[in-house]
Amino acid sequence: MKLTASILLLTILAFNWVGYRFVSHYFEKKADITFEASIDNSIYDESHLIELRVPLNTPYISGSAEFERYSGEIELGGVHYKYVKRKIEKGELVLLCLPNEIKTRFQNSRINFFKLVNDLNSSSQSKDKSTASSFKAFTTEYRQENNLWAIEPLMPVVVRHTTLKKYSQSAGFTDTPAQPPRAIHI
């Protein structure tokens, strides 16, 4: 009994963490596919088309007289638009778009849901100051640690070289060229 209850509660917890994202993403994609199919079958109102003009900086591109079917999407001001048709006219790319209200509603509802679940509403600012201040005091406590670290001095390493030749050093850097030092033989 305890095992099934714990599995059930863990499943609910996992669904709350990631399940809603998968479900909302699934329904959003399904609505997007349906919307795209209705555009492909020309089942939309021509009066709802919105025209976007984008200047092109390509000097040798030729314009087109008629619109052609084009697929893509853009988000402007929180509203999703689906490209329907395009053509090139007078050095500008002319795009005819339909507002994708279903995708916009799904995205807004998903954002609102996650704000609600994570308690990110504006009502969170009007909560008691006592809980916020106690949490702040708890997280800003300082705990001094007395670490007695000691770094042992390293034993001096004696390096002995046996050389057959010794060289004398020059007087330093000068602006005038000088003769290089001579080798002294021992």
N, C-alpha and C. Protein backbone atom coordinates (compact mmCIF):
# COMPACT_ATOMS: atom_id res chain seq x y z
N MET A 1 0.81 -1.19 0.00
CA MET A 1 0.00 0.00 0.00
C MET A 1 0.86 1.26 0.00
N LYS A 2 1.91 1.25 0.85
CA LYS A 2 2.80 2.40 0.92
C LYS A 2 3.58 2.56 -0.38
N LEU A 3 3.95 1.44 -0.97
CA LEU A 3 4.71 1.48 -2.21
C LEU A 3 3.89 2.09 -3.35
N THR A 4 2.63 1.68 -3.47
CA THR A 4 1.80 2.22 -4.55
C THR A 4 1.49 3.69 -4.31
N ALA A 5 1.31 4.08 -3.04
CA ALA A 5 1.06 5.49 -2.74
C ALA A 5 2.28 6.33 -3.05
N SER A 6 3.47 5.83 -2.72
CA SER A 6 4.68 6.60 -3.01
C SER A 6 4.94 6.68 -4.52
N ILE A 7 4.66 5.60 -5.25
CA ILE A 7 4.82 5.64 -6.71
C ILE A 7 3.82 6.62 -7.32
N LEU A 8 2.61 6.61 -6.83
CA LEU A 8 1.59 7.55 -7.33
C LEU A 8 2.00 8.99 -7.05
N LEU A 9 2.46 9.28 -5.85
CA LEU A 9 2.87 10.64 -5.51
C LEU A 9 4.10 11.09 -6.31
N LEU A 10 5.06 10.17 -6.52
CA LEU A 10 6.23 10.51 -7.34
C LEU A 10 5.84 10.75 -8.79
N THR A 11 4.85 10.00 -9.29
CA THR A 11 4.38 10.21 -10.65
C THR A 11 3.71 11.58 -10.78
N ILE A 12 2.91 11.93 -9.80
CA ILE A 12 2.26 13.25 -9.81
C ILE A 12 3.31 14.36 -9.73
N LEU A 13 4.33 14.17 -8.90
CA LEU A 13 5.40 15.16 -8.78
C LEU A 13 6.16 15.31 -10.09
N ALA A 14 6.49 14.19 -10.72
CA ALA A 14 7.21 14.25 -12.00
C ALA A 14 6.36 14.90 -13.08
N PHE A 15 5.05 14.61 -13.06
CA PHE A 15 4.16 15.24 -14.04
C PHE A 15 4.07 16.74 -13.80
N ASN A 16 4.08 17.17 -12.54
CA ASN A 16 4.07 18.60 -12.25
C ASN A 16 5.36 19.27 -12.68
N TRP A 17 6.48 18.57 -12.59
CA TRP A 17 7.75 19.15 -12.98
C TRP A 17 7.86 19.29 -14.49
N VAL A 18 7.64 18.20 -15.23
CA VAL A 18 7.88 18.22 -16.67
C VAL A 18 6.69 17.81 -17.51
N GLY A 19 5.71 17.16 -16.94
CA GLY A 19 4.60 16.63 -17.71
C GLY A 19 3.77 17.70 -18.38
N TYR A 20 3.50 18.80 -17.67
CA TYR A 20 2.70 19.86 -18.25
C TYR A 20 3.40 20.48 -19.46
N ARG A 21 4.69 20.55 -19.41
CA ARG A 21 5.43 21.10 -20.55
C ARG A 21 5.25 20.22 -21.77
N PHE A 22 5.36 18.90 -21.57
CA PHE A 22 5.20 17.98 -22.70
C PHE A 22 3.77 18.02 -23.24
N VAL A 23 2.80 18.05 -22.36
CA VAL A 23 1.40 18.08 -22.79
C VAL A 23 1.09 19.36 -23.54
N SER A 24 1.51 20.50 -23.00
CA SER A 24 1.23 21.77 -23.68
C SER A 24 1.99 21.85 -25.00
N HIS A 25 3.21 21.34 -25.04
CA HIS A 25 3.97 21.32 -26.29
C HIS A 25 3.28 20.42 -27.33
N TYR A 26 2.77 19.28 -26.90
CA TYR A 26 2.08 18.37 -27.81
C TYR A 26 0.85 19.03 -28.42
N PHE A 27 0.00 19.64 -27.57
CA PHE A 27 -1.21 20.28 -28.08
C PHE A 27 -0.89 21.49 -28.96
N GLU A 28 0.16 22.20 -28.63
CA GLU A 28 0.57 23.35 -29.45
C GLU A 28 1.03 22.88 -30.83
N LYS A 29 1.82 21.82 -30.89
CA LYS A 29 2.29 21.29 -32.18
C LYS A 29 1.12 20.74 -33.00
N LYS A 30 0.19 20.08 -32.33
CA LYS A 30 -0.97 19.53 -33.03
C LYS A 30 -1.81 20.66 -33.64
N ALA A 31 -2.02 21.73 -32.88
CA ALA A 31 -2.76 22.89 -33.41
C ALA A 31 -2.00 23.57 -34.53
N ASP A 32 -0.68 23.60 -34.42
CA ASP A 32 0.15 24.20 -35.46
C ASP A 32 0.05 23.42 -36.77
N ILE A 33 0.04 22.09 -36.67
CA ILE A 33 -0.07 21.24 -37.87
C ILE A 33 -1.44 21.44 -38.51
N THR A 34 -2.48 21.52 -37.70
CA THR A 34 -3.84 21.74 -38.22
C THR A 34 -3.94 23.10 -38.91
N PHE A 35 -3.33 24.13 -38.31
CA PHE A 35 -3.35 25.47 -38.89
C PHE A 35 -2.60 25.50 -40.21
N GLU A 36 -1.47 24.82 -40.26
CA GLU A 36 -0.67 24.74 -41.50
C GLU A 36 -1.44 24.01 -42.60
N ALA A 37 -2.17 22.95 -42.23
CA ALA A 37 -2.97 22.21 -43.22
C ALA A 37 -4.09 23.08 -43.77
N SER A 38 -4.71 23.90 -42.90
CA SER A 38 -5.77 24.77 -43.40
C SER A 38 -5.22 25.85 -44.33
N ILE A 39 -3.99 26.30 -44.09
CA ILE A 39 -3.36 27.26 -45.01
C ILE A 39 -3.03 26.59 -46.34
N ASP A 40 -2.52 25.35 -46.28
CA ASP A 40 -2.19 24.63 -47.51
C ASP A 40 -3.43 24.38 -48.36
N ASN A 41 -4.57 24.16 -47.72
CA ASN A 41 -5.82 23.91 -48.45
C ASN A 41 -6.58 25.20 -48.75
N SER A 42 -5.97 26.35 -48.46
CA SER A 42 -6.55 27.68 -48.69
C SER A 42 -7.89 27.85 -47.97
N ILE A 43 -7.97 27.36 -46.75
CA ILE A 43 -9.17 27.52 -45.94
C ILE A 43 -8.88 28.63 -44.91
N TYR A 44 -8.90 29.86 -45.39
CA TYR A 44 -8.71 31.00 -44.51
C TYR A 44 -9.33 32.22 -45.17
N ASP A 45 -9.57 33.24 -44.38
CA ASP A 45 -10.20 34.46 -44.86
C ASP A 45 -9.11 35.41 -45.36
N GLU A 46 -9.19 35.82 -46.61
CA GLU A 46 -8.19 36.71 -47.21
C GLU A 46 -8.13 38.06 -46.51
N SER A 47 -9.22 38.48 -45.88
CA SER A 47 -9.25 39.79 -45.22
C SER A 47 -8.43 39.80 -43.93
N HIS A 48 -8.09 38.62 -43.39
CA HIS A 48 -7.29 38.55 -42.17
C HIS A 48 -5.79 38.56 -42.44
N LEU A 49 -5.40 38.56 -43.71
CA LEU A 49 -3.98 38.56 -44.04
C LEU A 49 -3.36 39.91 -43.68
N ILE A 50 -2.17 39.85 -43.13
CA ILE A 50 -1.42 41.04 -42.75
C ILE A 50 -0.17 41.10 -43.62
N GLU A 51 0.13 42.26 -44.13
CA GLU A 51 1.26 42.43 -45.04
C GLU A 51 2.46 42.97 -44.28
N LEU A 52 3.59 42.28 -44.45
CA LEU A 52 4.87 42.73 -43.89
C LEU A 52 5.81 43.01 -45.05
N ARG A 53 6.51 44.14 -44.99
CA ARG A 53 7.48 44.49 -46.04
C ARG A 53 8.86 44.57 -45.40
N VAL A 54 9.78 43.83 -45.99
CA VAL A 54 11.16 43.79 -45.50
C VAL A 54 12.06 44.25 -46.63
N PRO A 55 12.86 45.32 -46.44
CA PRO A 55 13.76 45.77 -47.50
C PRO A 55 14.87 44.74 -47.75
N LEU A 56 15.15 44.50 -49.02
CA LEU A 56 16.21 43.57 -49.41
C LEU A 56 17.40 44.36 -49.92
N ASN A 57 18.56 43.95 -49.56
CA ASN A 57 19.77 44.63 -50.00
C ASN A 57 20.51 43.75 -51.00
N THR A 58 19.79 43.29 -52.00
CA THR A 58 20.38 42.48 -53.06
C THR A 58 20.12 43.20 -54.39
N PRO A 59 21.15 43.74 -55.04
CA PRO A 59 20.94 44.60 -56.19
C PRO A 59 20.45 43.88 -57.45
N TYR A 60 20.77 42.62 -57.64
CA TYR A 60 20.45 41.96 -58.90
C TYR A 60 19.31 40.95 -58.78
N ILE A 61 18.47 41.09 -57.80
CA ILE A 61 17.36 40.16 -57.64
C ILE A 61 16.19 40.66 -58.47
N SER A 62 15.54 39.72 -59.11
CA SER A 62 14.41 40.13 -59.95
C SER A 62 13.11 40.01 -59.15
N GLY A 63 12.19 40.90 -59.44
CA GLY A 63 10.91 40.90 -58.75
C GLY A 63 9.98 39.84 -59.31
N SER A 64 8.95 39.53 -58.57
CA SER A 64 7.96 38.57 -59.03
C SER A 64 6.60 39.25 -59.06
N ALA A 65 5.81 38.92 -60.07
CA ALA A 65 4.52 39.58 -60.25
C ALA A 65 3.45 39.00 -59.33
N GLU A 66 3.52 37.70 -59.06
CA GLU A 66 2.47 37.06 -58.27
C GLU A 66 3.04 36.51 -56.96
N PHE A 67 2.14 36.32 -56.03
CA PHE A 67 2.53 35.73 -54.76
C PHE A 67 2.72 34.23 -54.94
N GLU A 68 3.65 33.68 -54.15
CA GLU A 68 3.86 32.23 -54.12
C GLU A 68 3.70 31.76 -52.68
N ARG A 69 3.33 30.49 -52.52
CA ARG A 69 3.13 29.91 -51.19
C ARG A 69 4.47 29.86 -50.47
N TYR A 70 4.46 30.28 -49.22
CA TYR A 70 5.68 30.31 -48.42
C TYR A 70 5.35 29.84 -47.02
N SER A 71 6.26 29.10 -46.41
CA SER A 71 6.03 28.54 -45.08
C SER A 71 7.03 29.14 -44.10
N GLY A 72 6.55 29.48 -42.94
CA GLY A 72 7.41 30.03 -41.89
C GLY A 72 6.55 30.73 -40.85
N GLU A 73 7.19 31.27 -39.84
CA GLU A 73 6.44 31.98 -38.81
C GLU A 73 7.33 33.02 -38.17
N ILE A 74 6.67 33.99 -37.54
CA ILE A 74 7.36 35.07 -36.84
C ILE A 74 6.51 35.47 -35.64
N GLU A 75 7.15 35.98 -34.61
CA GLU A 75 6.42 36.47 -33.44
C GLU A 75 6.71 37.96 -33.29
N LEU A 76 5.67 38.75 -33.30
CA LEU A 76 5.79 40.19 -33.13
C LEU A 76 4.83 40.64 -32.03
N GLY A 77 5.37 41.25 -31.01
CA GLY A 77 4.54 41.76 -29.91
C GLY A 77 3.77 40.68 -29.18
N GLY A 78 4.31 39.49 -29.07
CA GLY A 78 3.64 38.40 -28.36
C GLY A 78 2.60 37.67 -29.19
N VAL A 79 2.42 38.05 -30.46
CA VAL A 79 1.45 37.39 -31.33
C VAL A 79 2.23 36.62 -32.40
N HIS A 80 1.85 35.36 -32.61
CA HIS A 80 2.50 34.52 -33.61
C HIS A 80 1.79 34.70 -34.95
N TYR A 81 2.59 34.86 -35.99
CA TYR A 81 2.07 34.99 -37.36
C TYR A 81 2.67 33.87 -38.20
N LYS A 82 1.84 33.31 -39.06
CA LYS A 82 2.26 32.24 -39.96
C LYS A 82 2.34 32.83 -41.36
N TYR A 83 3.47 32.64 -42.05
CA TYR A 83 3.60 33.12 -43.41
C TYR A 83 2.68 32.32 -44.33
N VAL A 84 2.02 33.01 -45.24
CA VAL A 84 1.14 32.36 -46.19
C VAL A 84 1.70 32.49 -47.60
N LYS A 85 2.00 33.73 -48.00
CA LYS A 85 2.48 33.99 -49.35
C LYS A 85 3.60 35.01 -49.30
N ARG A 86 4.40 35.02 -50.38
CA ARG A 86 5.46 36.01 -50.49
C ARG A 86 5.68 36.38 -51.95
N LYS A 87 6.26 37.57 -52.15
CA LYS A 87 6.73 38.00 -53.45
C LYS A 87 7.76 39.10 -53.24
N ILE A 88 8.54 39.35 -54.27
CA ILE A 88 9.55 40.40 -54.22
C ILE A 88 9.09 41.52 -55.14
N GLU A 89 9.03 42.73 -54.57
CA GLU A 89 8.50 43.86 -55.31
C GLU A 89 9.30 45.11 -54.96
N LYS A 90 9.89 45.75 -55.96
CA LYS A 90 10.61 47.02 -55.81
C LYS A 90 11.69 46.95 -54.73
N GLY A 91 12.46 45.89 -54.70
CA GLY A 91 13.54 45.74 -53.73
C GLY A 91 13.08 45.41 -52.33
N GLU A 92 11.85 44.98 -52.18
CA GLU A 92 11.32 44.60 -50.87
C GLU A 92 10.71 43.21 -50.93
N LEU A 93 10.84 42.50 -49.84
CA LEU A 93 10.18 41.20 -49.69
C LEU A 93 8.82 41.47 -49.06
N VAL A 94 7.76 41.08 -49.77
CA VAL A 94 6.40 41.29 -49.28
C VAL A 94 5.89 39.95 -48.77
N LEU A 95 5.54 39.90 -47.50
CA LEU A 95 5.04 38.69 -46.87
C LEU A 95 3.59 38.91 -46.45
N LEU A 96 2.73 37.97 -46.79
CA LEU A 96 1.35 37.97 -46.30
C LEU A 96 1.25 36.93 -45.20
N CYS A 97 0.80 37.35 -44.02
CA CYS A 97 0.79 36.49 -42.83
C CYS A 97 -0.60 36.42 -42.25
N LEU A 98 -0.85 35.30 -41.59
CA LEU A 98 -2.08 35.11 -40.82
C LEU A 98 -1.72 35.05 -39.35
N PRO A 99 -2.45 35.74 -38.49
CA PRO A 99 -2.18 35.60 -37.05
C PRO A 99 -2.60 34.21 -36.57
N ASN A 100 -1.69 33.55 -35.89
CA ASN A 100 -1.95 32.21 -35.35
C ASN A 100 -2.45 32.37 -33.92
N GLU A 101 -3.75 32.60 -33.80
CA GLU A 101 -4.35 32.89 -32.50
C GLU A 101 -4.30 31.69 -31.56
N ILE A 102 -4.41 30.48 -32.11
CA ILE A 102 -4.40 29.28 -31.27
C ILE A 102 -3.04 29.11 -30.60
N LYS A 103 -1.97 29.28 -31.38
CA LYS A 103 -0.62 29.15 -30.81
C LYS A 103 -0.36 30.25 -29.79
N THR A 104 -0.83 31.45 -30.08
CA THR A 104 -0.67 32.56 -29.14
C THR A 104 -1.39 32.27 -27.84
N ARG A 105 -2.63 31.74 -27.93
CA ARG A 105 -3.37 31.39 -26.71
C ARG A 105 -2.69 30.29 -25.92
N PHE A 106 -2.18 29.26 -26.64
CA PHE A 106 -1.46 28.18 -25.95
C PHE A 106 -0.24 28.72 -25.22
N GLN A 107 0.52 29.57 -25.89
CA GLN A 107 1.73 30.09 -25.27
C GLN A 107 1.39 30.99 -24.08
N ASN A 108 0.38 31.84 -24.22
CA ASN A 108 0.00 32.70 -23.10
C ASN A 108 -0.53 31.89 -21.92
N SER A 109 -1.32 30.86 -22.21
CA SER A 109 -1.83 30.03 -21.11
C SER A 109 -0.71 29.25 -20.44
N ARG A 110 0.27 28.80 -21.22
CA ARG A 110 1.41 28.08 -20.63
C ARG A 110 2.21 29.02 -19.74
N ILE A 111 2.44 30.25 -20.20
CA ILE A 111 3.19 31.22 -19.39
C ILE A 111 2.42 31.55 -18.12
N ASN A 112 1.11 31.76 -18.25
CA ASN A 112 0.31 32.07 -17.06
C ASN A 112 0.27 30.90 -16.08
N PHE A 113 0.20 29.69 -16.60
CA PHE A 113 0.19 28.51 -15.73
C PHE A 113 1.49 28.39 -14.95
N PHE A 114 2.62 28.56 -15.64
CA PHE A 114 3.89 28.44 -14.94
C PHE A 114 4.14 29.59 -13.98
N LYS A 115 3.59 30.77 -14.28
CA LYS A 115 3.67 31.86 -13.30
C LYS A 115 2.87 31.50 -12.06
N LEU A 116 1.69 30.90 -12.27
CA LEU A 116 0.83 30.53 -11.15
C LEU A 116 1.47 29.42 -10.33
N VAL A 117 2.04 28.42 -11.01
CA VAL A 117 2.64 27.29 -10.30
C VAL A 117 3.88 27.73 -9.53
N ASN A 118 4.66 28.60 -10.12
CA ASN A 118 5.90 29.03 -9.47
C ASN A 118 5.71 30.27 -8.61
N ASP A 119 4.46 30.70 -8.42
CA ASP A 119 4.11 31.82 -7.56
C ASP A 119 4.82 33.09 -7.99
N LEU A 120 4.71 33.41 -9.27
CA LEU A 120 5.35 34.60 -9.81
C LEU A 120 4.35 35.70 -10.12
N ASN A 121 3.18 35.65 -9.53
CA ASN A 121 2.16 36.67 -9.77
C ASN A 121 2.53 37.97 -9.08
N SER A 122 1.80 39.01 -9.41
CA SER A 122 2.04 40.31 -8.77
C SER A 122 1.59 40.29 -7.31
N SER A 123 0.76 39.31 -6.94
CA SER A 123 0.32 39.21 -5.55
C SER A 123 1.46 38.78 -4.64
N SER A 124 2.55 38.27 -5.21
CA SER A 124 3.68 37.85 -4.39
C SER A 124 4.37 39.07 -3.78
N GLN A 125 4.22 40.24 -4.38
CA GLN A 125 4.83 41.43 -3.82
C GLN A 125 4.07 41.91 -2.59
N SER A 126 2.78 41.57 -2.50
CA SER A 126 1.97 42.05 -1.39
C SER A 126 1.95 41.06 -0.22
N LYS A 127 2.83 40.08 -0.22
CA LYS A 127 2.87 39.12 0.87
C LYS A 127 3.44 39.77 2.12
N ASP A 128 3.36 39.05 3.22
CA ASP A 128 3.89 39.54 4.48
C ASP A 128 5.37 39.82 4.35
N LYS A 129 5.81 40.91 4.90
CA LYS A 129 7.23 41.25 4.88
C LYS A 129 7.99 40.38 5.87
N SER A 130 7.28 39.85 6.88
CA SER A 130 7.95 39.07 7.92
C SER A 130 8.54 37.78 7.36
N THR A 131 7.84 37.11 6.45
CA THR A 131 8.38 35.88 5.88
C THR A 131 9.55 36.18 4.97
N ALA A 132 9.46 37.27 4.23
CA ALA A 132 10.56 37.61 3.34
C ALA A 132 11.79 38.02 4.12
N SER A 133 11.62 38.77 5.19
CA SER A 133 12.77 39.23 5.96
C SER A 133 13.42 38.08 6.72
N SER A 134 12.63 37.12 7.22
CA SER A 134 13.23 36.00 7.93
C SER A 134 14.00 35.11 6.97
N PHE A 135 13.48 34.96 5.77
CA PHE A 135 14.21 34.16 4.78
C PHE A 135 15.50 34.86 4.38
N LYS A 136 15.45 36.18 4.24
CA LYS A 136 16.63 36.93 3.87
C LYS A 136 17.68 36.85 4.96
N ALA A 137 17.25 36.98 6.22
CA ALA A 137 18.20 36.92 7.33
C ALA A 137 18.82 35.53 7.42
N PHE A 138 18.04 34.52 7.11
CA PHE A 138 18.57 33.16 7.17
C PHE A 138 19.62 32.93 6.09
N THR A 139 19.39 33.47 4.92
CA THR A 139 20.33 33.23 3.83
C THR A 139 21.55 34.11 3.88
N THR A 140 21.51 35.20 4.65
CA THR A 140 22.67 36.10 4.70
C THR A 140 23.48 35.95 5.97
N GLU A 141 23.25 34.89 6.73
CA GLU A 141 24.06 34.68 7.92
C GLU A 141 25.51 34.44 7.52
N TYR A 142 26.39 34.90 8.40
CA TYR A 142 27.81 34.71 8.16
C TYR A 142 28.37 33.76 9.19
N ARG A 143 29.08 32.79 8.74
CA ARG A 143 29.68 31.84 9.65
C ARG A 143 31.19 31.87 9.45
N GLN A 144 31.88 32.31 10.48
CA GLN A 144 33.32 32.42 10.37
C GLN A 144 33.94 31.07 10.69
N GLU A 145 34.86 30.67 9.88
CA GLU A 145 35.55 29.41 10.11
C GLU A 145 36.98 29.72 10.52
N ASN A 146 37.43 29.03 11.51
CA ASN A 146 38.82 29.18 11.96
C ASN A 146 39.63 28.05 11.36
N ASN A 147 40.19 28.31 10.23
CA ASN A 147 41.02 27.31 9.59
C ASN A 147 42.46 27.50 10.02
N LEU A 148 43.05 26.47 10.50
CA LEU A 148 44.44 26.52 10.93
C LEU A 148 45.32 25.88 9.87
N TRP A 149 45.38 26.57 8.77
CA TRP A 149 46.17 26.04 7.68
C TRP A 149 47.62 26.46 7.87
N ALA A 150 48.49 25.57 7.54
CA ALA A 150 49.91 25.88 7.62
C ALA A 150 50.58 25.30 6.37
N ILE A 151 51.38 26.12 5.78
CA ILE A 151 52.11 25.67 4.61
C ILE A 151 53.56 25.49 5.03
N GLU A 152 54.00 24.29 4.95
CA GLU A 152 55.36 23.96 5.36
C GLU A 152 56.34 24.53 4.34
N PRO A 153 57.45 25.08 4.83
CA PRO A 153 58.46 25.57 3.87
C PRO A 153 59.10 24.38 3.16
N LEU A 154 59.35 24.59 1.90
CA LEU A 154 59.97 23.53 1.13
C LEU A 154 61.45 23.45 1.45
N MET A 155 61.97 22.28 1.40
CA MET A 155 63.41 22.09 1.63
C MET A 155 64.15 22.72 0.46
N PRO A 156 65.20 23.48 0.76
CA PRO A 156 65.95 24.08 -0.34
C PRO A 156 66.60 22.99 -1.18
N VAL A 157 66.47 23.17 -2.46
CA VAL A 157 67.04 22.20 -3.38
C VAL A 157 68.40 22.73 -3.81
N VAL A 158 69.41 21.91 -3.63
CA VAL A 158 70.76 22.30 -4.00
C VAL A 158 71.01 21.78 -5.40
N VAL A 159 71.32 22.70 -6.28
CA VAL A 159 71.59 22.34 -7.66
C VAL A 159 73.07 22.56 -7.90
N ARG A 160 73.70 21.55 -8.35
CA ARG A 160 75.13 21.65 -8.64
C ARG A 160 75.35 21.33 -10.10
N HIS A 161 76.06 22.21 -10.74
CA HIS A 161 76.38 22.01 -12.14
C HIS A 161 77.89 21.94 -12.28
N THR A 162 78.28 21.09 -13.10
CA THR A 162 79.70 21.06 -13.43
C THR A 162 79.82 21.48 -14.87
N THR A 163 80.53 22.56 -15.08
CA THR A 163 80.72 23.05 -16.43
C THR A 163 82.20 23.07 -16.74
N LEU A 164 82.47 22.91 -17.97
CA LEU A 164 83.85 22.93 -18.40
C LEU A 164 84.28 24.34 -18.81
N LYS A 165 83.31 25.14 -19.25
CA LYS A 165 83.63 26.48 -19.70
C LYS A 165 82.83 27.48 -18.89
N LYS A 166 83.43 28.61 -18.62
CA LYS A 166 82.74 29.71 -17.96
C LYS A 166 82.76 30.90 -18.91
N TYR A 167 81.68 31.62 -18.91
CA TYR A 167 81.57 32.78 -19.78
C TYR A 167 81.51 34.03 -18.93
N SER A 168 82.13 35.07 -19.40
CA SER A 168 82.03 36.34 -18.69
C SER A 168 80.80 37.08 -19.19
N GLN A 169 80.24 37.89 -18.34
CA GLN A 169 79.04 38.61 -18.71
C GLN A 169 79.41 39.98 -19.26
N SER A 170 78.57 40.45 -20.17
CA SER A 170 78.82 41.78 -20.72
C SER A 170 78.35 42.82 -19.71
N ALA A 171 78.66 44.08 -19.97
CA ALA A 171 78.34 45.16 -19.04
C ALA A 171 76.87 45.51 -19.05
N GLY A 172 76.12 45.03 -19.99
CA GLY A 172 74.70 45.33 -20.05
C GLY A 172 74.30 45.74 -21.45
N PHE A 173 73.10 46.26 -21.59
CA PHE A 173 72.62 46.69 -22.90
C PHE A 173 73.13 48.08 -23.19
N THR A 174 73.68 48.24 -24.35
CA THR A 174 74.15 49.56 -24.78
C THR A 174 73.61 49.84 -26.16
N ASP A 175 73.64 51.14 -26.50
CA ASP A 175 73.17 51.53 -27.83
C ASP A 175 74.20 51.25 -28.90
N THR A 176 75.43 51.21 -28.53
CA THR A 176 76.48 50.98 -29.52
C THR A 176 76.87 49.53 -29.51
N PRO A 177 77.15 49.01 -30.67
CA PRO A 177 77.56 47.59 -30.70
C PRO A 177 78.90 47.39 -30.01
N ALA A 178 79.04 46.28 -29.35
CA ALA A 178 80.29 45.96 -28.63
C ALA A 178 80.69 44.54 -28.99
N GLN A 179 81.90 44.23 -28.65
CA GLN A 179 82.40 42.90 -28.93
C GLN A 179 81.76 41.91 -27.96
N PRO A 180 81.33 40.72 -28.43
CA PRO A 180 80.73 39.75 -27.54
C PRO A 180 81.73 39.25 -26.51
N PRO A 181 81.24 38.73 -25.39
CA PRO A 181 82.16 38.24 -24.35
C PRO A 181 82.95 37.04 -24.83
N ARG A 182 84.13 36.91 -24.25
CA ARG A 182 85.01 35.80 -24.62
C ARG A 182 84.80 34.62 -23.68
N ALA A 183 85.00 33.48 -24.21
CA ALA A 183 84.90 32.27 -23.39
C ALA A 183 86.18 32.11 -22.59
N ILE A 184 86.02 31.80 -21.33
CA ILE A 184 87.18 31.59 -20.46
C ILE A 184 87.29 30.09 -20.22
N HIS A 185 88.42 29.53 -20.51
CA HIS A 185 88.63 28.10 -20.34
C HIS A 185 89.25 27.83 -19.00
N ILE A 186 88.74 26.84 -18.34
CA ILE A 186 89.29 26.48 -17.02
C ILE A 186 90.18 25.29 -17.16
